[in-house]
N, C-alpha and C. Protein backbone atom coordinates (compact mmCIF):
# COMPACT_ATOMS: atom_id res chain seq x y z
N MET A 1 -0.46 1.33 -23.87
CA MET A 1 -0.08 0.16 -24.60
C MET A 1 -0.64 -1.06 -23.86
N PRO A 2 -1.44 -1.92 -24.51
CA PRO A 2 -2.01 -3.09 -23.84
C PRO A 2 -0.95 -4.16 -23.61
N GLY A 3 -1.17 -4.95 -22.55
CA GLY A 3 -0.23 -6.02 -22.21
C GLY A 3 -0.50 -7.27 -23.03
N GLU A 4 0.38 -8.24 -22.88
CA GLU A 4 0.25 -9.52 -23.58
C GLU A 4 0.43 -10.65 -22.60
N ALA A 5 0.02 -11.87 -22.99
CA ALA A 5 0.18 -13.09 -22.19
C ALA A 5 -0.34 -12.89 -20.77
N ALA A 6 0.52 -13.04 -19.77
CA ALA A 6 0.09 -12.93 -18.36
C ALA A 6 -0.43 -11.53 -18.05
N PHE A 7 -0.06 -10.54 -18.85
CA PHE A 7 -0.50 -9.16 -18.61
C PHE A 7 -1.59 -8.74 -19.59
N LYS A 8 -2.34 -9.71 -20.13
CA LYS A 8 -3.33 -9.47 -21.16
C LYS A 8 -4.32 -8.36 -20.81
N ASP A 9 -4.79 -8.33 -19.59
CA ASP A 9 -5.79 -7.34 -19.20
C ASP A 9 -5.17 -6.13 -18.52
N GLU A 10 -3.91 -5.88 -18.74
CA GLU A 10 -3.21 -4.76 -18.12
C GLU A 10 -2.89 -3.71 -19.19
N VAL A 11 -2.76 -2.48 -18.77
CA VAL A 11 -2.38 -1.38 -19.65
C VAL A 11 -1.18 -0.70 -19.02
N PHE A 12 -0.17 -0.36 -19.86
CA PHE A 12 1.07 0.23 -19.36
C PHE A 12 1.29 1.61 -19.98
N PHE A 13 1.87 2.51 -19.18
CA PHE A 13 2.22 3.85 -19.64
C PHE A 13 3.63 4.16 -19.19
N LYS A 14 4.31 5.01 -19.94
CA LYS A 14 5.64 5.48 -19.55
C LYS A 14 5.58 6.97 -19.25
N GLN A 15 6.54 7.43 -18.46
CA GLN A 15 6.70 8.86 -18.16
C GLN A 15 5.44 9.47 -17.52
N VAL A 16 4.91 8.81 -16.49
CA VAL A 16 3.74 9.31 -15.78
C VAL A 16 4.20 10.15 -14.59
N PRO A 17 3.82 11.42 -14.51
CA PRO A 17 4.24 12.26 -13.37
C PRO A 17 3.35 12.02 -12.16
N TRP A 18 3.96 11.93 -10.97
CA TRP A 18 3.23 11.84 -9.71
C TRP A 18 4.16 12.21 -8.57
N ALA A 19 3.72 13.07 -7.70
CA ALA A 19 4.44 13.49 -6.48
C ALA A 19 5.84 14.03 -6.79
N GLY A 20 5.98 14.68 -7.94
CA GLY A 20 7.27 15.28 -8.29
C GLY A 20 8.26 14.34 -8.94
N PHE A 21 7.84 13.13 -9.29
CA PHE A 21 8.72 12.15 -9.93
C PHE A 21 8.03 11.59 -11.17
N THR A 22 8.81 10.97 -12.05
CA THR A 22 8.27 10.34 -13.25
C THR A 22 8.35 8.83 -13.09
N TRP A 23 7.27 8.14 -13.48
CA TRP A 23 7.13 6.71 -13.24
C TRP A 23 6.70 5.98 -14.50
N SER A 24 6.86 4.66 -14.49
CA SER A 24 6.17 3.78 -15.42
C SER A 24 4.90 3.35 -14.69
N ALA A 25 3.79 3.21 -15.41
CA ALA A 25 2.52 2.90 -14.76
C ALA A 25 1.90 1.64 -15.36
N GLN A 26 1.20 0.91 -14.51
CA GLN A 26 0.49 -0.29 -14.92
C GLN A 26 -0.92 -0.21 -14.34
N CYS A 27 -1.93 -0.29 -15.21
CA CYS A 27 -3.33 -0.30 -14.78
C CYS A 27 -3.77 -1.74 -14.62
N HIS A 28 -4.47 -2.05 -13.53
CA HIS A 28 -4.93 -3.40 -13.25
C HIS A 28 -6.45 -3.45 -13.38
N PHE A 29 -6.95 -4.43 -14.11
CA PHE A 29 -8.39 -4.57 -14.33
C PHE A 29 -8.89 -5.89 -13.78
N ALA A 30 -10.14 -5.89 -13.32
CA ALA A 30 -10.83 -7.12 -12.92
C ALA A 30 -12.29 -6.93 -13.31
N ASN A 31 -12.85 -7.93 -13.95
CA ASN A 31 -14.24 -7.87 -14.40
C ASN A 31 -14.50 -6.62 -15.23
N ASP A 32 -13.56 -6.30 -16.10
CA ASP A 32 -13.65 -5.16 -17.02
C ASP A 32 -13.71 -3.80 -16.32
N LEU A 33 -13.30 -3.74 -15.06
CA LEU A 33 -13.25 -2.48 -14.32
C LEU A 33 -11.83 -2.23 -13.83
N LEU A 34 -11.45 -0.96 -13.80
CA LEU A 34 -10.15 -0.60 -13.26
C LEU A 34 -10.13 -0.93 -11.78
N GLU A 35 -9.20 -1.78 -11.38
CA GLU A 35 -9.11 -2.21 -9.98
C GLU A 35 -8.00 -1.47 -9.22
N GLY A 36 -6.99 -1.05 -9.94
CA GLY A 36 -5.89 -0.35 -9.29
C GLY A 36 -4.88 0.14 -10.30
N LEU A 37 -3.91 0.87 -9.79
CA LEU A 37 -2.85 1.44 -10.61
C LEU A 37 -1.55 1.30 -9.84
N THR A 38 -0.51 0.87 -10.51
CA THR A 38 0.80 0.77 -9.86
C THR A 38 1.81 1.59 -10.65
N LEU A 39 2.57 2.40 -9.91
CA LEU A 39 3.67 3.17 -10.48
C LEU A 39 4.97 2.49 -10.11
N TYR A 40 5.93 2.47 -11.02
CA TYR A 40 7.23 1.83 -10.77
C TYR A 40 8.36 2.79 -11.10
N GLY A 41 9.41 2.74 -10.30
CA GLY A 41 10.61 3.52 -10.56
C GLY A 41 11.76 2.98 -9.74
N PRO A 42 12.97 3.46 -10.01
CA PRO A 42 14.13 3.00 -9.23
C PRO A 42 14.03 3.47 -7.78
N TYR A 43 14.46 2.61 -6.86
CA TYR A 43 14.43 2.96 -5.44
C TYR A 43 15.55 3.93 -5.11
N ASP A 44 15.22 4.88 -4.25
CA ASP A 44 16.17 5.84 -3.72
C ASP A 44 15.62 6.25 -2.36
N ALA A 45 16.46 6.21 -1.33
CA ALA A 45 16.00 6.53 0.03
C ALA A 45 15.41 7.94 0.13
N GLN A 46 16.03 8.91 -0.55
CA GLN A 46 15.50 10.28 -0.52
C GLN A 46 14.15 10.37 -1.22
N LYS A 47 13.99 9.61 -2.31
CA LYS A 47 12.71 9.59 -3.02
C LYS A 47 11.63 9.03 -2.10
N LEU A 48 11.92 7.93 -1.38
CA LEU A 48 10.96 7.35 -0.46
C LEU A 48 10.59 8.35 0.65
N LYS A 49 11.57 9.05 1.15
CA LYS A 49 11.33 10.05 2.20
C LYS A 49 10.45 11.19 1.67
N ARG A 50 10.72 11.65 0.47
CA ARG A 50 9.92 12.74 -0.12
C ARG A 50 8.49 12.29 -0.41
N ILE A 51 8.32 11.04 -0.85
CA ILE A 51 6.98 10.52 -1.11
C ILE A 51 6.20 10.40 0.19
N SER A 52 6.84 9.92 1.25
CA SER A 52 6.18 9.82 2.55
C SER A 52 5.74 11.20 3.04
N ALA A 53 6.59 12.20 2.89
CA ALA A 53 6.24 13.57 3.29
C ALA A 53 5.08 14.09 2.44
N TRP A 54 5.11 13.79 1.14
CA TRP A 54 4.05 14.24 0.24
C TRP A 54 2.72 13.61 0.63
N LEU A 55 2.72 12.31 0.96
CA LEU A 55 1.49 11.63 1.36
C LEU A 55 0.93 12.24 2.65
N LYS A 56 1.81 12.57 3.59
CA LYS A 56 1.35 13.23 4.83
C LYS A 56 0.71 14.58 4.51
N GLU A 57 1.32 15.34 3.60
CA GLU A 57 0.76 16.63 3.19
C GLU A 57 -0.63 16.45 2.58
N GLN A 58 -0.84 15.33 1.89
CA GLN A 58 -2.12 15.05 1.25
C GLN A 58 -3.12 14.43 2.22
N LYS A 59 -2.76 14.38 3.50
CA LYS A 59 -3.63 13.87 4.58
C LYS A 59 -3.81 12.35 4.56
N PHE A 60 -2.84 11.63 4.03
CA PHE A 60 -2.84 10.16 4.14
C PHE A 60 -2.17 9.80 5.46
N GLN A 61 -2.59 8.67 6.05
CA GLN A 61 -2.01 8.22 7.31
C GLN A 61 -1.40 6.83 7.13
N LEU A 62 -0.22 6.66 7.67
CA LEU A 62 0.47 5.37 7.65
C LEU A 62 -0.11 4.52 8.77
N LEU A 63 -0.82 3.44 8.40
CA LEU A 63 -1.48 2.60 9.41
C LEU A 63 -1.02 1.15 9.38
N GLY A 64 -0.22 0.78 8.40
CA GLY A 64 0.23 -0.60 8.33
C GLY A 64 1.53 -0.71 7.56
N MET A 65 2.22 -1.83 7.81
CA MET A 65 3.45 -2.14 7.09
C MET A 65 3.50 -3.65 6.90
N VAL A 66 4.24 -4.06 5.90
CA VAL A 66 4.53 -5.48 5.70
C VAL A 66 6.03 -5.56 5.46
N VAL A 67 6.71 -6.31 6.33
CA VAL A 67 8.15 -6.53 6.19
C VAL A 67 8.31 -7.95 5.70
N ASP A 68 8.80 -8.08 4.46
CA ASP A 68 8.77 -9.34 3.74
C ASP A 68 7.33 -9.85 3.79
N LYS A 69 7.02 -10.90 4.52
CA LYS A 69 5.64 -11.39 4.54
C LYS A 69 4.96 -11.21 5.89
N THR A 70 5.58 -10.44 6.78
CA THR A 70 5.02 -10.23 8.11
C THR A 70 4.34 -8.88 8.18
N ALA A 71 3.03 -8.90 8.44
CA ALA A 71 2.25 -7.67 8.52
C ALA A 71 2.37 -7.03 9.90
N ILE A 72 2.41 -5.72 9.90
CA ILE A 72 2.43 -4.94 11.13
C ILE A 72 1.23 -4.01 11.08
N ASP A 73 0.29 -4.20 12.00
CA ASP A 73 -0.88 -3.32 12.10
C ASP A 73 -0.48 -2.20 13.07
N ILE A 74 -0.06 -1.09 12.52
CA ILE A 74 0.44 0.02 13.34
C ILE A 74 -0.65 0.53 14.28
N LEU A 75 -1.88 0.60 13.80
CA LEU A 75 -2.98 1.09 14.62
C LEU A 75 -3.13 0.25 15.90
N SER A 76 -3.17 -1.06 15.76
CA SER A 76 -3.36 -1.91 16.95
C SER A 76 -2.13 -1.90 17.86
N LEU A 77 -0.92 -1.91 17.26
CA LEU A 77 0.29 -1.89 18.09
C LEU A 77 0.38 -0.61 18.91
N VAL A 78 0.08 0.52 18.29
CA VAL A 78 0.15 1.79 19.00
C VAL A 78 -0.91 1.85 20.10
N LYS A 79 -2.10 1.31 19.82
CA LYS A 79 -3.15 1.29 20.85
C LYS A 79 -2.74 0.42 22.04
N LEU A 80 -2.07 -0.69 21.77
CA LEU A 80 -1.69 -1.61 22.85
C LEU A 80 -0.47 -1.15 23.63
N GLY A 81 0.54 -0.62 22.92
CA GLY A 81 1.78 -0.31 23.60
C GLY A 81 2.43 1.01 23.24
N GLY A 82 1.69 1.86 22.55
CA GLY A 82 2.24 3.15 22.17
C GLY A 82 3.19 3.03 20.98
N GLN A 83 3.74 4.16 20.59
CA GLN A 83 4.65 4.23 19.46
C GLN A 83 5.86 3.32 19.67
N GLU A 84 6.27 3.15 20.93
CA GLU A 84 7.43 2.30 21.25
C GLU A 84 7.18 0.85 20.85
N ALA A 85 5.94 0.36 21.02
CA ALA A 85 5.60 -1.02 20.66
C ALA A 85 5.77 -1.24 19.16
N PHE A 86 5.32 -0.27 18.36
CA PHE A 86 5.49 -0.38 16.92
C PHE A 86 6.97 -0.36 16.55
N GLN A 87 7.71 0.59 17.09
CA GLN A 87 9.14 0.71 16.77
C GLN A 87 9.90 -0.55 17.18
N LYS A 88 9.56 -1.11 18.33
CA LYS A 88 10.22 -2.34 18.79
C LYS A 88 9.95 -3.49 17.83
N ARG A 89 8.69 -3.66 17.42
CA ARG A 89 8.33 -4.75 16.50
C ARG A 89 9.04 -4.58 15.16
N PHE A 90 9.09 -3.37 14.65
CA PHE A 90 9.76 -3.12 13.38
C PHE A 90 11.26 -3.44 13.49
N ARG A 91 11.89 -2.99 14.57
CA ARG A 91 13.32 -3.27 14.77
C ARG A 91 13.59 -4.77 14.86
N GLU A 92 12.71 -5.51 15.53
CA GLU A 92 12.86 -6.97 15.63
C GLU A 92 12.85 -7.62 14.25
N LEU A 93 11.94 -7.17 13.41
CA LEU A 93 11.81 -7.77 12.08
C LEU A 93 13.02 -7.47 11.19
N VAL A 94 13.51 -6.25 11.22
CA VAL A 94 14.63 -5.92 10.34
C VAL A 94 15.96 -6.37 10.91
N ALA A 95 16.03 -6.58 12.24
CA ALA A 95 17.28 -7.07 12.85
C ALA A 95 17.47 -8.56 12.58
N ALA A 96 16.37 -9.30 12.51
CA ALA A 96 16.45 -10.74 12.29
C ALA A 96 17.03 -11.06 10.92
N LYS A 97 16.65 -10.28 9.92
CA LYS A 97 17.11 -10.52 8.54
C LYS A 97 16.85 -9.24 7.76
N THR A 98 17.80 -8.85 6.93
CA THR A 98 17.59 -7.68 6.09
C THR A 98 16.45 -8.00 5.13
N PRO A 99 15.35 -7.25 5.22
CA PRO A 99 14.19 -7.56 4.37
C PRO A 99 14.45 -7.26 2.90
N SER A 100 13.86 -8.07 2.03
CA SER A 100 13.96 -7.80 0.60
C SER A 100 12.79 -6.94 0.13
N GLN A 101 11.75 -6.84 0.99
CA GLN A 101 10.62 -5.98 0.65
C GLN A 101 10.04 -5.37 1.93
N ILE A 102 9.76 -4.08 1.87
CA ILE A 102 9.01 -3.39 2.92
C ILE A 102 7.91 -2.61 2.22
N ARG A 103 6.67 -2.85 2.67
CA ARG A 103 5.52 -2.14 2.11
C ARG A 103 4.93 -1.25 3.20
N TYR A 104 4.67 -0.01 2.84
CA TYR A 104 4.08 0.97 3.74
C TYR A 104 2.64 1.18 3.28
N GLU A 105 1.68 0.98 4.17
CA GLU A 105 0.27 1.05 3.80
C GLU A 105 -0.34 2.36 4.31
N TRP A 106 -0.56 3.26 3.37
CA TRP A 106 -1.11 4.58 3.65
C TRP A 106 -2.59 4.58 3.31
N PHE A 107 -3.38 5.26 4.15
CA PHE A 107 -4.82 5.32 3.93
C PHE A 107 -5.26 6.78 3.85
N GLU A 108 -6.20 7.03 2.92
CA GLU A 108 -6.75 8.36 2.72
C GLU A 108 -7.34 8.86 4.03
N GLY A 109 -7.03 10.09 4.39
CA GLY A 109 -7.37 10.60 5.71
C GLY A 109 -8.73 11.22 5.90
N LYS A 110 -9.49 11.47 4.83
CA LYS A 110 -10.75 12.21 5.00
C LYS A 110 -11.73 11.50 5.93
N ASP A 111 -11.75 10.16 5.94
CA ASP A 111 -12.66 9.42 6.82
C ASP A 111 -11.97 8.91 8.08
N LEU A 112 -10.71 9.21 8.24
CA LEU A 112 -9.98 8.74 9.41
C LEU A 112 -10.11 9.77 10.52
N THR A 113 -11.34 9.93 10.99
CA THR A 113 -11.63 10.91 12.03
C THR A 113 -11.09 10.41 13.37
N PRO A 114 -10.88 11.30 14.32
CA PRO A 114 -10.45 10.86 15.65
C PRO A 114 -11.40 9.81 16.25
N ASP A 115 -12.71 9.97 16.01
CA ASP A 115 -13.68 8.98 16.51
C ASP A 115 -13.48 7.62 15.86
N ASN A 116 -13.33 7.59 14.53
CA ASN A 116 -13.11 6.32 13.83
C ASN A 116 -11.83 5.65 14.31
N LEU A 117 -10.77 6.43 14.45
CA LEU A 117 -9.50 5.87 14.91
C LEU A 117 -9.61 5.36 16.35
N ALA A 118 -10.35 6.07 17.20
CA ALA A 118 -10.51 5.66 18.60
C ALA A 118 -11.38 4.41 18.72
N ASN A 119 -12.39 4.27 17.85
CA ASN A 119 -13.32 3.15 17.94
C ASN A 119 -12.82 1.87 17.30
N ALA A 120 -11.77 1.94 16.52
CA ALA A 120 -11.25 0.75 15.83
C ALA A 120 -10.06 0.18 16.59
N ALA A 121 -10.08 -1.12 16.80
CA ALA A 121 -8.97 -1.78 17.48
C ALA A 121 -7.81 -2.06 16.53
N ASN A 122 -8.13 -2.15 15.22
CA ASN A 122 -7.10 -2.45 14.23
C ASN A 122 -7.53 -1.90 12.87
N VAL A 123 -6.66 -2.06 11.88
CA VAL A 123 -6.95 -1.52 10.55
C VAL A 123 -8.17 -2.19 9.93
N SER A 124 -8.30 -3.50 10.07
CA SER A 124 -9.46 -4.20 9.50
C SER A 124 -10.77 -3.64 10.05
N GLN A 125 -10.81 -3.41 11.33
CA GLN A 125 -12.01 -2.84 11.94
C GLN A 125 -12.23 -1.40 11.47
N LEU A 126 -11.16 -0.65 11.32
CA LEU A 126 -11.27 0.72 10.84
C LEU A 126 -11.91 0.77 9.46
N LEU A 127 -11.56 -0.19 8.61
CA LEU A 127 -12.11 -0.20 7.25
C LEU A 127 -13.61 -0.43 7.23
N THR A 128 -14.18 -0.97 8.31
CA THR A 128 -15.64 -1.13 8.37
C THR A 128 -16.32 0.18 8.74
N LEU A 129 -15.54 1.17 9.18
CA LEU A 129 -16.10 2.45 9.63
C LEU A 129 -15.96 3.57 8.61
N VAL A 130 -15.23 3.34 7.53
CA VAL A 130 -14.96 4.41 6.56
C VAL A 130 -15.72 4.17 5.26
N ASP A 131 -15.75 5.18 4.41
CA ASP A 131 -16.41 5.11 3.12
C ASP A 131 -15.79 4.02 2.25
N MET A 132 -16.63 3.35 1.46
CA MET A 132 -16.12 2.25 0.64
C MET A 132 -15.18 2.72 -0.47
N ASN A 133 -15.15 4.02 -0.77
CA ASN A 133 -14.25 4.55 -1.78
C ASN A 133 -12.92 5.04 -1.19
N THR A 134 -12.66 4.74 0.07
CA THR A 134 -11.40 5.16 0.70
C THR A 134 -10.23 4.56 -0.07
N VAL A 135 -9.26 5.41 -0.36
CA VAL A 135 -8.10 5.00 -1.15
C VAL A 135 -6.97 4.53 -0.23
N GLN A 136 -6.37 3.43 -0.62
CA GLN A 136 -5.15 2.96 0.05
C GLN A 136 -4.02 3.08 -0.96
N ILE A 137 -2.89 3.58 -0.49
CA ILE A 137 -1.70 3.65 -1.32
C ILE A 137 -0.63 2.82 -0.63
N GLU A 138 -0.18 1.81 -1.34
CA GLU A 138 0.84 0.93 -0.79
C GLU A 138 2.17 1.28 -1.46
N VAL A 139 3.10 1.77 -0.67
CA VAL A 139 4.41 2.16 -1.16
C VAL A 139 5.37 1.02 -0.80
N ALA A 140 5.98 0.41 -1.80
CA ALA A 140 6.84 -0.74 -1.55
C ALA A 140 8.24 -0.49 -2.06
N GLN A 141 9.21 -0.83 -1.23
CA GLN A 141 10.60 -0.84 -1.66
C GLN A 141 11.03 -2.29 -1.66
N GLU A 142 11.63 -2.72 -2.76
CA GLU A 142 12.08 -4.10 -2.80
C GLU A 142 13.31 -4.25 -3.67
N ALA A 143 14.07 -5.28 -3.34
CA ALA A 143 15.29 -5.59 -4.06
C ALA A 143 15.46 -7.10 -4.05
N VAL A 144 16.38 -7.60 -4.86
CA VAL A 144 16.58 -9.05 -4.94
C VAL A 144 18.00 -9.43 -4.56
N GLY A 145 18.14 -10.66 -4.08
CA GLY A 145 19.46 -11.20 -3.76
C GLY A 145 20.01 -10.71 -2.44
N GLU A 146 21.10 -11.35 -2.01
CA GLU A 146 21.72 -10.99 -0.74
C GLU A 146 22.23 -9.56 -0.72
N ASN A 147 22.66 -9.06 -1.88
CA ASN A 147 23.18 -7.69 -1.96
C ASN A 147 22.09 -6.66 -2.19
N LEU A 148 20.84 -7.13 -2.23
CA LEU A 148 19.69 -6.26 -2.46
C LEU A 148 19.90 -5.36 -3.68
N THR A 149 20.17 -6.02 -4.79
CA THR A 149 20.39 -5.29 -6.05
C THR A 149 19.07 -5.08 -6.79
N HIS A 150 19.12 -4.25 -7.79
CA HIS A 150 17.97 -3.93 -8.65
C HIS A 150 16.79 -3.42 -7.81
N ALA A 151 17.07 -2.53 -6.92
CA ALA A 151 16.04 -2.00 -6.02
C ALA A 151 15.02 -1.15 -6.79
N ILE A 152 13.75 -1.43 -6.52
CA ILE A 152 12.68 -0.65 -7.15
C ILE A 152 11.75 -0.10 -6.06
N LEU A 153 11.03 0.91 -6.45
CA LEU A 153 10.01 1.51 -5.61
C LEU A 153 8.72 1.42 -6.40
N SER A 154 7.68 0.87 -5.79
CA SER A 154 6.38 0.81 -6.46
C SER A 154 5.33 1.45 -5.58
N ILE A 155 4.39 2.09 -6.23
CA ILE A 155 3.30 2.78 -5.55
C ILE A 155 2.00 2.21 -6.12
N HIS A 156 1.24 1.51 -5.28
CA HIS A 156 0.01 0.86 -5.75
C HIS A 156 -1.20 1.57 -5.14
N PHE A 157 -2.10 2.04 -5.99
CA PHE A 157 -3.31 2.75 -5.59
C PHE A 157 -4.50 1.82 -5.78
N PHE A 158 -5.35 1.70 -4.76
CA PHE A 158 -6.56 0.92 -4.89
C PHE A 158 -7.52 1.28 -3.77
N CYS A 159 -8.75 0.78 -3.87
CA CYS A 159 -9.76 0.97 -2.84
C CYS A 159 -10.00 -0.38 -2.19
N PRO A 160 -9.45 -0.63 -1.01
CA PRO A 160 -9.51 -1.97 -0.42
C PRO A 160 -10.93 -2.46 -0.15
N ILE A 161 -11.82 -1.58 0.23
CA ILE A 161 -13.19 -2.01 0.53
C ILE A 161 -13.91 -2.38 -0.76
N LEU A 162 -13.75 -1.58 -1.81
CA LEU A 162 -14.36 -1.92 -3.10
C LEU A 162 -13.82 -3.24 -3.64
N ARG A 163 -12.55 -3.50 -3.41
CA ARG A 163 -11.95 -4.76 -3.86
C ARG A 163 -12.62 -5.94 -3.16
N ILE A 164 -12.82 -5.82 -1.85
CA ILE A 164 -13.45 -6.91 -1.08
C ILE A 164 -14.89 -7.12 -1.55
N VAL A 165 -15.63 -6.02 -1.74
CA VAL A 165 -17.02 -6.12 -2.20
C VAL A 165 -17.07 -6.78 -3.57
N SER A 166 -16.17 -6.38 -4.48
CA SER A 166 -16.12 -6.95 -5.82
C SER A 166 -15.81 -8.44 -5.77
N GLU A 167 -14.85 -8.83 -4.93
CA GLU A 167 -14.49 -10.25 -4.80
C GLU A 167 -15.67 -11.06 -4.26
N GLU A 168 -16.39 -10.50 -3.29
CA GLU A 168 -17.55 -11.19 -2.72
C GLU A 168 -18.65 -11.35 -3.76
N GLN A 169 -18.89 -10.31 -4.56
CA GLN A 169 -19.92 -10.39 -5.59
C GLN A 169 -19.55 -11.41 -6.65
N THR A 170 -18.28 -11.47 -7.02
CA THR A 170 -17.82 -12.43 -8.02
C THR A 170 -17.95 -13.86 -7.51
N SER A 171 -17.63 -14.08 -6.23
CA SER A 171 -17.67 -15.44 -5.69
C SER A 171 -19.10 -15.94 -5.44
N THR A 172 -20.09 -15.04 -5.33
CA THR A 172 -21.46 -15.46 -5.08
C THR A 172 -22.31 -15.51 -6.35
N LYS A 173 -21.72 -15.13 -7.51
CA LYS A 173 -22.47 -15.19 -8.77
C LYS A 173 -22.69 -16.64 -9.16
N PRO A 174 -23.89 -16.97 -9.64
CA PRO A 174 -24.12 -18.35 -10.13
C PRO A 174 -23.27 -18.62 -11.36
N LYS A 175 -22.80 -19.85 -11.45
CA LYS A 175 -21.91 -20.21 -12.58
C LYS A 175 -22.66 -20.79 -13.73
């Protein structure tokens, strides 16, 4: 079903199966090309845990997080201070204020070789070492208000390198 108004170039589907759950889906387009896909469903802690386990089984690696608007580059934190540095930073962010959104940034593992991971100081640098079709899946849990009501879980699929290349090509086109 095509979208309207602000969602004019979007396409929506209901009852889309993925990772053992059923979702509502939204296709995102830019320059008449599919740019990404987002799945939406109600948040549930067990569902989030099962999706994380499923992504690990599919060889995706968790390399980044965003707590509200603060990004955590897990790759660089672990390189600098080990797993404890990442855990400490995450605890600091959630202790200061209960976040209304946490995004988990998973990256397709086929190009995440031990050499690529060792040679990259952070996720941005890692993306220069992998195939431009590498898939990123951003799993987000979010809720609104002080009581964190209406909690949803969204799963956004896209290719971050292709997105950057597309944006650069669009910005350098003559007008």
